[in-house]
All heavy atoms as atom14 arrays in JSON, in Angstrom:
{
  "sequence": "LPHVKIDQVFLGSCTNGRFEDLKLAAEVMGDEPVARGVRMIVIPAS",
  "atom14_mask": [
    [1, 1, 1, 1, 1, 1, 1, 1, 0, 0, 0, 0, 0, 0],
    [1, 1, 1, 1, 1, 1, 1, 0, 0, 0, 0, 0, 0, 0],
    [1, 1, 1, 1, 1, 1, 1, 1, 1, 1, 0, 0, 0, 0],
    [1, 1, 1, 1, 1, 1, 1, 0, 0, 0, 0, 0, 0, 0],
    [1, 1, 1, 1, 1, 1, 1, 1, 1, 0, 0, 0, 0, 0],
    [1, 1, 1, 1, 1, 1, 1, 1, 0, 0, 0, 0, 0, 0],
    [1, 1, 1, 1, 1, 1, 1, 1, 0, 0, 0, 0, 0, 0],
    [1, 1, 1, 1, 1, 1, 1, 1, 1, 0, 0, 0, 0, 0],
    [1, 1, 1, 1, 1, 1, 1, 0, 0, 0, 0, 0, 0, 0],
    [1, 1, 1, 1, 1, 1, 1, 1, 1, 1, 1, 0, 0, 0],
    [1, 1, 1, 1, 1, 1, 1, 1, 0, 0, 0, 0, 0, 0],
    [1, 1, 1, 1, 0, 0, 0, 0, 0, 0, 0, 0, 0, 0],
    [1, 1, 1, 1, 1, 1, 0, 0, 0, 0, 0, 0, 0, 0],
    [1, 1, 1, 1, 1, 1, 0, 0, 0, 0, 0, 0, 0, 0],
    [1, 1, 1, 1, 1, 1, 1, 0, 0, 0, 0, 0, 0, 0],
    [1, 1, 1, 1, 1, 1, 1, 1, 0, 0, 0, 0, 0, 0],
    [1, 1, 1, 1, 0, 0, 0, 0, 0, 0, 0, 0, 0, 0],
    [1, 1, 1, 1, 1, 1, 1, 1, 1, 1, 1, 0, 0, 0],
    [1, 1, 1, 1, 1, 1, 1, 1, 1, 1, 1, 0, 0, 0],
    [1, 1, 1, 1, 1, 1, 1, 1, 1, 0, 0, 0, 0, 0],
    [1, 1, 1, 1, 1, 1, 1, 1, 0, 0, 0, 0, 0, 0],
    [1, 1, 1, 1, 1, 1, 1, 1, 0, 0, 0, 0, 0, 0],
    [1, 1, 1, 1, 1, 1, 1, 1, 1, 0, 0, 0, 0, 0],
    [1, 1, 1, 1, 1, 1, 1, 1, 0, 0, 0, 0, 0, 0],
    [1, 1, 1, 1, 1, 0, 0, 0, 0, 0, 0, 0, 0, 0],
    [1, 1, 1, 1, 1, 0, 0, 0, 0, 0, 0, 0, 0, 0],
    [1, 1, 1, 1, 1, 1, 1, 1, 1, 0, 0, 0, 0, 0],
    [1, 1, 1, 1, 1, 1, 1, 0, 0, 0, 0, 0, 0, 0],
    [1, 1, 1, 1, 1, 1, 1, 1, 0, 0, 0, 0, 0, 0],
    [1, 1, 1, 1, 0, 0, 0, 0, 0, 0, 0, 0, 0, 0],
    [1, 1, 1, 1, 1, 1, 1, 1, 0, 0, 0, 0, 0, 0],
    [1, 1, 1, 1, 1, 1, 1, 1, 1, 0, 0, 0, 0, 0],
    [1, 1, 1, 1, 1, 1, 1, 0, 0, 0, 0, 0, 0, 0],
    [1, 1, 1, 1, 1, 1, 1, 0, 0, 0, 0, 0, 0, 0],
    [1, 1, 1, 1, 1, 0, 0, 0, 0, 0, 0, 0, 0, 0],
    [1, 1, 1, 1, 1, 1, 1, 1, 1, 1, 1, 0, 0, 0],
    [1, 1, 1, 1, 0, 0, 0, 0, 0, 0, 0, 0, 0, 0],
    [1, 1, 1, 1, 1, 1, 1, 0, 0, 0, 0, 0, 0, 0],
    [1, 1, 1, 1, 1, 1, 1, 1, 1, 1, 1, 0, 0, 0],
    [1, 1, 1, 1, 1, 1, 1, 1, 0, 0, 0, 0, 0, 0],
    [1, 1, 1, 1, 1, 1, 1, 1, 0, 0, 0, 0, 0, 0],
    [1, 1, 1, 1, 1, 1, 1, 0, 0, 0, 0, 0, 0, 0],
    [1, 1, 1, 1, 1, 1, 1, 1, 0, 0, 0, 0, 0, 0],
    [1, 1, 1, 1, 1, 1, 1, 0, 0, 0, 0, 0, 0, 0],
    [1, 1, 1, 1, 1, 0, 0, 0, 0, 0, 0, 0, 0, 0],
    [1, 1, 1, 1, 1, 1, 0, 0, 0, 0, 0, 0, 0, 0]
  ],
  "atom14_positions": [
    [[13.03, -17.86, -43.99], [13.38, -17.03, -45.14], [12.4, -15.87, -45.26], [11.19, -16.07, -45.17], [13.32, -17.89, -46.41], [13.9, -17.29, -47.68], [15.42, -17.24, -47.6], [13.49, -18.13, -48.9], [0.0, 0.0, 0.0], [0.0, 0.0, 0.0], [0.0, 0.0, 0.0], [0.0, 0.0, 0.0], [0.0, 0.0, 0.0], [0.0, 0.0, 0.0]],
    [[12.88, -14.66, -45.46], [11.96, -13.55, -45.68], [11.2, -13.72, -46.98], [11.59, -14.52, -47.83], [12.89, -12.34, -45.74], [14.24, -12.87, -46.09], [14.29, -14.25, -45.49], [0.0, 0.0, 0.0], [0.0, 0.0, 0.0], [0.0, 0.0, 0.0], [0.0, 0.0, 0.0], [0.0, 0.0, 0.0], [0.0, 0.0, 0.0], [0.0, 0.0, 0.0]],
    [[10.12, -12.98, -47.15], [9.3, -13.08, -48.37], [10.16, -12.76, -49.59], [10.73, -11.68, -49.68], [8.13, -12.11, -48.26], [7.28, -12.06, -49.48], [6.4, -13.06, -49.81], [7.19, -11.14, -50.48], [5.79, -12.76, -50.94], [6.26, -11.59, -51.37], [0.0, 0.0, 0.0], [0.0, 0.0, 0.0], [0.0, 0.0, 0.0], [0.0, 0.0, 0.0]],
    [[10.24, -13.72, -50.54], [11.08, -13.53, -51.72], [10.27, -13.87, -52.98], [9.91, -15.02, -53.2], [12.35, -14.42, -51.69], [13.18, -14.2, -52.94], [13.16, -14.16, -50.45], [0.0, 0.0, 0.0], [0.0, 0.0, 0.0], [0.0, 0.0, 0.0], [0.0, 0.0, 0.0], [0.0, 0.0, 0.0], [0.0, 0.0, 0.0], [0.0, 0.0, 0.0]],
    [[9.98, -12.85, -53.79], [9.36, -13.08, -55.07], [10.42, -13.53, -56.07], [11.57, -13.11, -55.99], [8.69, -11.81, -55.59], [7.36, -11.49, -54.88], [6.73, -10.23, -55.44], [6.43, -10.34, -56.95], [5.41, -11.36, -57.26], [0.0, 0.0, 0.0], [0.0, 0.0, 0.0], [0.0, 0.0, 0.0], [0.0, 0.0, 0.0], [0.0, 0.0, 0.0]],
    [[10.03, -14.39, -57.01], [10.98, -14.94, -57.95], [10.56, -14.63, -59.39], [9.38, -14.45, -59.68], [11.15, -16.46, -57.77], [9.79, -17.18, -57.94], [11.77, -16.78, -56.42], [9.88, -18.7, -57.88], [0.0, 0.0, 0.0], [0.0, 0.0, 0.0], [0.0, 0.0, 0.0], [0.0, 0.0, 0.0], [0.0, 0.0, 0.0], [0.0, 0.0, 0.0]],
    [[11.56, -14.57, -60.27], [11.32, -14.36, -61.69], [11.52, -15.64, -62.48], [10.93, -15.81, -63.55], [12.27, -13.28, -62.22], [12.06, -11.97, -61.52], [11.06, -11.29, -61.82], [12.91, -11.59, -60.68], [0.0, 0.0, 0.0], [0.0, 0.0, 0.0], [0.0, 0.0, 0.0], [0.0, 0.0, 0.0], [0.0, 0.0, 0.0], [0.0, 0.0, 0.0]],
    [[12.38, -16.54, -61.99], [12.69, -17.74, -62.73], [12.94, -18.92, -61.78], [13.48, -18.74, -60.68], [13.95, -17.5, -63.58], [14.4, -18.71, -64.4], [15.44, -18.34, -65.43], [15.14, -17.59, -66.38], [16.65, -18.83, -65.29], [0.0, 0.0, 0.0], [0.0, 0.0, 0.0], [0.0, 0.0, 0.0], [0.0, 0.0, 0.0], [0.0, 0.0, 0.0]],
    [[12.53, -20.1, -62.21], [12.84, -21.34, -61.51], [13.61, -22.22, -62.47], [13.17, -22.47, -63.61], [11.55, -22.08, -61.06], [11.89, -23.46, -60.5], [10.82, -21.25, -60.04], [0.0, 0.0, 0.0], [0.0, 0.0, 0.0], [0.0, 0.0, 0.0], [0.0, 0.0, 0.0], [0.0, 0.0, 0.0], [0.0, 0.0, 0.0], [0.0, 0.0, 0.0]],
    [[14.78, -22.69, -62.04], [15.56, -23.63, -62.84], [15.57, -24.98, -62.13], [16.13, -25.14, -61.05], [16.99, -23.1, -63.02], [17.94, -24.09, -63.63], [17.54, -24.96, -64.64], [19.28, -24.16, -63.19], [18.42, -25.89, -65.19], [20.14, -25.07, -63.73], [19.73, -25.94, -64.74], [0.0, 0.0, 0.0], [0.0, 0.0, 0.0], [0.0, 0.0, 0.0]],
    [[14.93, -25.96, -62.74], [14.89, -27.33, -62.24], [15.78, -28.19, -63.13], [15.45, -28.46, -64.29], [13.46, -27.86, -62.27], [13.24, -29.32, -61.9], [13.7, -29.63, -60.47], [11.77, -29.71, -62.07], [0.0, 0.0, 0.0], [0.0, 0.0, 0.0], [0.0, 0.0, 0.0], [0.0, 0.0, 0.0], [0.0, 0.0, 0.0], [0.0, 0.0, 0.0]],
    [[16.93, -28.59, -62.62], [17.87, -29.37, -63.43], [19.25, -29.34, -62.82], [19.41, -29.17, -61.61], [0.0, 0.0, 0.0], [0.0, 0.0, 0.0], [0.0, 0.0, 0.0], [0.0, 0.0, 0.0], [0.0, 0.0, 0.0], [0.0, 0.0, 0.0], [0.0, 0.0, 0.0], [0.0, 0.0, 0.0], [0.0, 0.0, 0.0], [0.0, 0.0, 0.0]],
    [[20.27, -29.51, -63.65], [21.69, -29.49, -63.33], [22.19, -30.86, -62.89], [21.4, -31.79, -62.65], [22.05, -28.45, -62.26], [21.83, -28.97, -60.95], [0.0, 0.0, 0.0], [0.0, 0.0, 0.0], [0.0, 0.0, 0.0], [0.0, 0.0, 0.0], [0.0, 0.0, 0.0], [0.0, 0.0, 0.0], [0.0, 0.0, 0.0], [0.0, 0.0, 0.0]],
    [[23.52, -30.97, -62.74], [24.14, -32.22, -62.29], [23.82, -32.51, -60.84], [24.04, -33.6, -60.33], [25.65, -32.21, -62.51], [26.52, -30.83, -61.72], [0.0, 0.0, 0.0], [0.0, 0.0, 0.0], [0.0, 0.0, 0.0], [0.0, 0.0, 0.0], [0.0, 0.0, 0.0], [0.0, 0.0, 0.0], [0.0, 0.0, 0.0], [0.0, 0.0, 0.0]],
    [[23.25, -31.52, -60.14], [22.88, -31.7, -58.73], [21.49, -32.31, -58.59], [21.3, -33.24, -57.82], [22.91, -30.34, -57.99], [24.11, -29.64, -58.31], [22.84, -30.55, -56.49], [0.0, 0.0, 0.0], [0.0, 0.0, 0.0], [0.0, 0.0, 0.0], [0.0, 0.0, 0.0], [0.0, 0.0, 0.0], [0.0, 0.0, 0.0], [0.0, 0.0, 0.0]],
    [[20.54, -31.79, -59.36], [19.14, -32.2, -59.19], [18.37, -32.28, -60.52], [17.25, -31.79, -60.61], [18.42, -31.25, -58.24], [18.69, -31.53, -56.77], [19.11, -30.63, -56.04], [18.5, -32.77, -56.33], [0.0, 0.0, 0.0], [0.0, 0.0, 0.0], [0.0, 0.0, 0.0], [0.0, 0.0, 0.0], [0.0, 0.0, 0.0], [0.0, 0.0, 0.0]],
    [[18.97, -32.89, -61.52], [18.29, -33.03, -62.8], [17.91, -34.45, -63.12], [17.6, -34.78, -64.27], [0.0, 0.0, 0.0], [0.0, 0.0, 0.0], [0.0, 0.0, 0.0], [0.0, 0.0, 0.0], [0.0, 0.0, 0.0], [0.0, 0.0, 0.0], [0.0, 0.0, 0.0], [0.0, 0.0, 0.0], [0.0, 0.0, 0.0], [0.0, 0.0, 0.0]],
    [[17.88, -35.31, -62.1], [17.55, -36.7, -62.36], [16.04, -36.97, -62.28], [15.27, -36.11, -61.81], [18.32, -37.57, -61.36], [19.81, -37.68, -61.72], [20.63, -38.32, -60.62], [21.01, -37.39, -59.59], [22.03, -36.53, -59.67], [22.76, -36.47, -60.75], [22.33, -35.71, -58.67], [0.0, 0.0, 0.0], [0.0, 0.0, 0.0], [0.0, 0.0, 0.0]],
    [[15.63, -38.13, -62.74], [14.2, -38.45, -62.83], [13.51, -38.25, -61.49], [12.41, -37.67, -61.43], [14.03, -39.91, -63.28], [12.6, -40.37, -63.26], [11.72, -40.02, -64.26], [12.15, -41.18, -62.22], [10.4, -40.46, -64.23], [10.83, -41.62, -62.18], [9.97, -41.24, -63.19], [0.0, 0.0, 0.0], [0.0, 0.0, 0.0], [0.0, 0.0, 0.0]],
    [[14.12, -38.72, -60.41], [13.51, -38.59, -59.08], [13.26, -37.12, -58.73], [12.24, -36.78, -58.11], [14.4, -39.21, -58.01], [14.51, -40.73, -58.1], [15.65, -41.2, -58.97], [16.11, -40.42, -59.87], [16.11, -42.34, -58.8], [0.0, 0.0, 0.0], [0.0, 0.0, 0.0], [0.0, 0.0, 0.0], [0.0, 0.0, 0.0], [0.0, 0.0, 0.0]],
    [[14.17, -36.24, -59.15], [14.02, -34.82, -58.89], [12.86, -34.21, -59.65], [12.06, -33.46, -59.11], [15.32, -34.08, -59.24], [16.52, -34.62, -58.5], [16.43, -34.87, -57.29], [17.57, -34.82, -59.13], [0.0, 0.0, 0.0], [0.0, 0.0, 0.0], [0.0, 0.0, 0.0], [0.0, 0.0, 0.0], [0.0, 0.0, 0.0], [0.0, 0.0, 0.0]],
    [[12.79, -34.58, -60.93], [11.7, -34.06, -61.78], [10.36, -34.56, -61.28], [9.36, -33.8, -61.23], [11.92, -34.47, -63.23], [13.28, -34.15, -63.87], [13.27, -34.52, -65.33], [13.62, -32.67, -63.7], [0.0, 0.0, 0.0], [0.0, 0.0, 0.0], [0.0, 0.0, 0.0], [0.0, 0.0, 0.0], [0.0, 0.0, 0.0], [0.0, 0.0, 0.0]],
    [[10.32, -35.84, -60.89], [9.07, -36.42, -60.41], [8.59, -35.74, -59.13], [7.39, -35.43, -58.98], [9.27, -37.92, -60.16], [8.01, -38.64, -59.69], [8.3, -40.12, -59.47], [7.05, -40.84, -58.96], [7.33, -42.28, -58.69], [0.0, 0.0, 0.0], [0.0, 0.0, 0.0], [0.0, 0.0, 0.0], [0.0, 0.0, 0.0], [0.0, 0.0, 0.0]],
    [[9.51, -35.46, -58.22], [9.15, -34.81, -56.96], [8.59, -33.42, -57.21], [7.56, -33.03, -56.66], [10.35, -34.74, -56.03], [10.16, -34.0, -54.7], [9.02, -34.62, -53.88], [11.45, -33.99, -53.9], [0.0, 0.0, 0.0], [0.0, 0.0, 0.0], [0.0, 0.0, 0.0], [0.0, 0.0, 0.0], [0.0, 0.0, 0.0], [0.0, 0.0, 0.0]],
    [[9.27, -32.65, -58.06], [8.79, -31.29, -58.35], [7.4, -31.34, -59.0], [6.52, -30.52, -58.66], [9.76, -30.58, -59.28], [0.0, 0.0, 0.0], [0.0, 0.0, 0.0], [0.0, 0.0, 0.0], [0.0, 0.0, 0.0], [0.0, 0.0, 0.0], [0.0, 0.0, 0.0], [0.0, 0.0, 0.0], [0.0, 0.0, 0.0], [0.0, 0.0, 0.0]],
    [[7.21, -32.28, -59.92], [5.9, -32.4, -60.58], [4.81, -32.78, -59.6], [3.68, -32.27, -59.68], [6.0, -33.44, -61.7], [0.0, 0.0, 0.0], [0.0, 0.0, 0.0], [0.0, 0.0, 0.0], [0.0, 0.0, 0.0], [0.0, 0.0, 0.0], [0.0, 0.0, 0.0], [0.0, 0.0, 0.0], [0.0, 0.0, 0.0], [0.0, 0.0, 0.0]],
    [[5.13, -33.65, -58.66], [4.13, -34.06, -57.66], [3.73, -32.86, -56.79], [2.55, -32.71, -56.43], [4.7, -35.18, -56.8], [4.8, -36.53, -57.51], [5.46, -37.59, -56.66], [5.99, -37.24, -55.57], [5.47, -38.77, -57.08], [0.0, 0.0, 0.0], [0.0, 0.0, 0.0], [0.0, 0.0, 0.0], [0.0, 0.0, 0.0], [0.0, 0.0, 0.0]],
    [[4.69, -32.06, -56.42], [4.41, -30.89, -55.59], [3.54, -29.88, -56.37], [2.6, -29.3, -55.81], [5.7, -30.23, -55.1], [5.4, -28.92, -54.36], [6.47, -31.17, -54.18], [0.0, 0.0, 0.0], [0.0, 0.0, 0.0], [0.0, 0.0, 0.0], [0.0, 0.0, 0.0], [0.0, 0.0, 0.0], [0.0, 0.0, 0.0], [0.0, 0.0, 0.0]],
    [[3.84, -29.71, -57.64], [3.06, -28.77, -58.48], [1.63, -29.24, -58.71], [0.74, -28.41, -58.88], [3.78, -28.59, -59.82], [5.12, -27.88, -59.72], [6.01, -27.82, -61.3], [4.97, -26.66, -62.22], [0.0, 0.0, 0.0], [0.0, 0.0, 0.0], [0.0, 0.0, 0.0], [0.0, 0.0, 0.0], [0.0, 0.0, 0.0], [0.0, 0.0, 0.0]],
    [[1.44, -30.55, -58.72], [0.08, -31.06, -58.97], [-0.41, -30.63, -60.34], [0.31, -30.73, -61.34], [0.0, 0.0, 0.0], [0.0, 0.0, 0.0], [0.0, 0.0, 0.0], [0.0, 0.0, 0.0], [0.0, 0.0, 0.0], [0.0, 0.0, 0.0], [0.0, 0.0, 0.0], [0.0, 0.0, 0.0], [0.0, 0.0, 0.0], [0.0, 0.0, 0.0]],
    [[-1.63, -30.16, -60.42], [-2.19, -29.69, -61.69], [-2.16, -28.17, -61.81], [-2.84, -27.61, -62.69], [-3.65, -30.19, -61.82], [-3.72, -31.71, -61.91], [-2.81, -32.29, -62.52], [-4.68, -32.29, -61.36], [0.0, 0.0, 0.0], [0.0, 0.0, 0.0], [0.0, 0.0, 0.0], [0.0, 0.0, 0.0], [0.0, 0.0, 0.0], [0.0, 0.0, 0.0]],
    [[-1.41, -27.51, -60.93], [-1.36, -26.05, -60.94], [-0.42, -25.55, -62.02], [0.63, -26.17, -62.3], [-0.88, -25.52, -59.59], [-1.85, -25.83, -58.45], [-3.18, -25.14, -58.62], [-3.19, -23.97, -59.04], [-4.21, -25.8, -58.35], [0.0, 0.0, 0.0], [0.0, 0.0, 0.0], [0.0, 0.0, 0.0], [0.0, 0.0, 0.0], [0.0, 0.0, 0.0]],
    [[-0.73, -24.41, -62.65], [0.16, -23.84, -63.66], [1.31, -23.07, -63.01], [1.24, -22.69, -61.83], [-0.76, -22.9, -64.42], [-1.74, -22.43, -63.39], [-1.97, -23.65, -62.49], [0.0, 0.0, 0.0], [0.0, 0.0, 0.0], [0.0, 0.0, 0.0], [0.0, 0.0, 0.0], [0.0, 0.0, 0.0], [0.0, 0.0, 0.0], [0.0, 0.0, 0.0]],
    [[2.35, -22.84, -63.79], [3.42, -21.95, -63.34], [2.84, -20.55, -63.13], [2.03, -20.08, -63.94], [4.56, -21.92, -64.39], [5.63, -20.92, -64.0], [5.18, -23.29, -64.56], [0.0, 0.0, 0.0], [0.0, 0.0, 0.0], [0.0, 0.0, 0.0], [0.0, 0.0, 0.0], [0.0, 0.0, 0.0], [0.0, 0.0, 0.0], [0.0, 0.0, 0.0]],
    [[3.24, -19.94, -62.04], [2.67, -18.63, -61.67], [2.91, -17.58, -62.75], [3.95, -17.61, -63.43], [3.26, -18.16, -60.35], [0.0, 0.0, 0.0], [0.0, 0.0, 0.0], [0.0, 0.0, 0.0], [0.0, 0.0, 0.0], [0.0, 0.0, 0.0], [0.0, 0.0, 0.0], [0.0, 0.0, 0.0], [0.0, 0.0, 0.0], [0.0, 0.0, 0.0]],
    [[1.96, -16.69, -62.91], [2.09, -15.61, -63.89], [3.32, -14.76, -63.55], [3.58, -14.41, -62.39], [0.86, -14.73, -63.86], [0.85, -13.62, -64.93], [-0.41, -12.79, -64.84], [-1.59, -13.6, -65.12], [-2.05, -13.86, -66.33], [-1.43, -13.37, -67.38], [-3.15, -14.59, -66.5], [0.0, 0.0, 0.0], [0.0, 0.0, 0.0], [0.0, 0.0, 0.0]],
    [[4.12, -14.47, -64.55], [5.33, -13.66, -64.35], [6.53, -14.47, -64.0], [7.63, -13.91, -63.82], [0.0, 0.0, 0.0], [0.0, 0.0, 0.0], [0.0, 0.0, 0.0], [0.0, 0.0, 0.0], [0.0, 0.0, 0.0], [0.0, 0.0, 0.0], [0.0, 0.0, 0.0], [0.0, 0.0, 0.0], [0.0, 0.0, 0.0], [0.0, 0.0, 0.0]],
    [[6.4, -15.8, -63.88], [7.52, -16.67, -63.55], [7.9, -17.54, -64.76], [7.02, -18.11, -65.42], [7.2, -17.6, -62.36], [8.33, -18.6, -62.11], [6.97, -16.76, -61.1], [0.0, 0.0, 0.0], [0.0, 0.0, 0.0], [0.0, 0.0, 0.0], [0.0, 0.0, 0.0], [0.0, 0.0, 0.0], [0.0, 0.0, 0.0], [0.0, 0.0, 0.0]],
    [[9.17, -17.61, -65.04], [9.7, -18.51, -66.08], [10.22, -19.77, -65.4], [11.02, -19.68, -64.49], [10.82, -17.86, -66.87], [10.49, -16.46, -67.37], [11.64, -15.85, -68.17], [12.87, -15.67, -67.4], [13.13, -14.59, -66.67], [12.24, -13.61, -66.55], [14.28, -14.49, -66.02], [0.0, 0.0, 0.0], [0.0, 0.0, 0.0], [0.0, 0.0, 0.0]],
    [[9.77, -20.93, -65.84], [10.27, -22.18, -65.28], [11.0, -22.94, -66.38], [10.43, -23.22, -67.44], [9.15, -23.04, -64.72], [9.67, -24.31, -64.04], [8.35, -25.34, -63.36], [9.31, -26.49, -62.35], [0.0, 0.0, 0.0], [0.0, 0.0, 0.0], [0.0, 0.0, 0.0], [0.0, 0.0, 0.0], [0.0, 0.0, 0.0], [0.0, 0.0, 0.0]],
    [[12.28, -23.24, -66.14], [13.09, -23.98, -67.09], [13.42, -25.34, -66.5], [13.97, -25.45, -65.41], [14.41, -23.23, -67.41], [14.09, -21.83, -67.96], [15.26, -24.01, -68.4], [15.33, -20.98, -68.18], [0.0, 0.0, 0.0], [0.0, 0.0, 0.0], [0.0, 0.0, 0.0], [0.0, 0.0, 0.0], [0.0, 0.0, 0.0], [0.0, 0.0, 0.0]],
    [[13.03, -26.39, -67.2], [13.26, -27.77, -66.75], [14.23, -28.44, -67.7], [14.0, -28.47, -68.91], [11.92, -28.55, -66.73], [12.18, -29.98, -66.23], [10.91, -27.84, -65.83], [0.0, 0.0, 0.0], [0.0, 0.0, 0.0], [0.0, 0.0, 0.0], [0.0, 0.0, 0.0], [0.0, 0.0, 0.0], [0.0, 0.0, 0.0], [0.0, 0.0, 0.0]],
    [[15.32, -28.98, -67.16], [16.33, -29.63, -68.0], [16.77, -30.94, -67.34], [17.51, -30.93, -66.36], [17.56, -28.73, -68.2], [17.16, -27.34, -68.67], [18.51, -29.37, -69.22], [18.3, -26.38, -68.9], [0.0, 0.0, 0.0], [0.0, 0.0, 0.0], [0.0, 0.0, 0.0], [0.0, 0.0, 0.0], [0.0, 0.0, 0.0], [0.0, 0.0, 0.0]],
    [[16.33, -32.09, -67.89], [16.8, -33.36, -67.37], [18.33, -33.48, -67.53], [18.9, -32.9, -68.46], [16.07, -34.39, -68.25], [14.87, -33.66, -68.77], [15.33, -32.25, -68.95], [0.0, 0.0, 0.0], [0.0, 0.0, 0.0], [0.0, 0.0, 0.0], [0.0, 0.0, 0.0], [0.0, 0.0, 0.0], [0.0, 0.0, 0.0], [0.0, 0.0, 0.0]],
    [[18.96, -34.21, -66.63], [20.42, -34.27, -66.6], [21.01, -35.1, -67.74], [22.18, -34.91, -68.09], [20.89, -34.84, -65.26], [0.0, 0.0, 0.0], [0.0, 0.0, 0.0], [0.0, 0.0, 0.0], [0.0, 0.0, 0.0], [0.0, 0.0, 0.0], [0.0, 0.0, 0.0], [0.0, 0.0, 0.0], [0.0, 0.0, 0.0], [0.0, 0.0, 0.0]],
    [[20.26, -36.01, -68.3], [20.78, -36.84, -69.39], [19.65, -37.26, -70.3], [18.46, -37.13, -69.96], [21.51, -38.08, -68.84], [20.56, -39.0, -68.31], [0.0, 0.0, 0.0], [0.0, 0.0, 0.0], [0.0, 0.0, 0.0], [0.0, 0.0, 0.0], [0.0, 0.0, 0.0], [0.0, 0.0, 0.0], [0.0, 0.0, 0.0], [0.0, 0.0, 0.0]]
  ]
}
């Protein structure tokens, strides 16, 4: 993939909004904050 800057991250939906999905994303993020200038929206599926 070429270098792609992002403005928003959407973690959720009927595709990937389950507990396992949220847990995996959180593990990858560790203790790091969301990057400056990026909006992150997290929505559990149920």
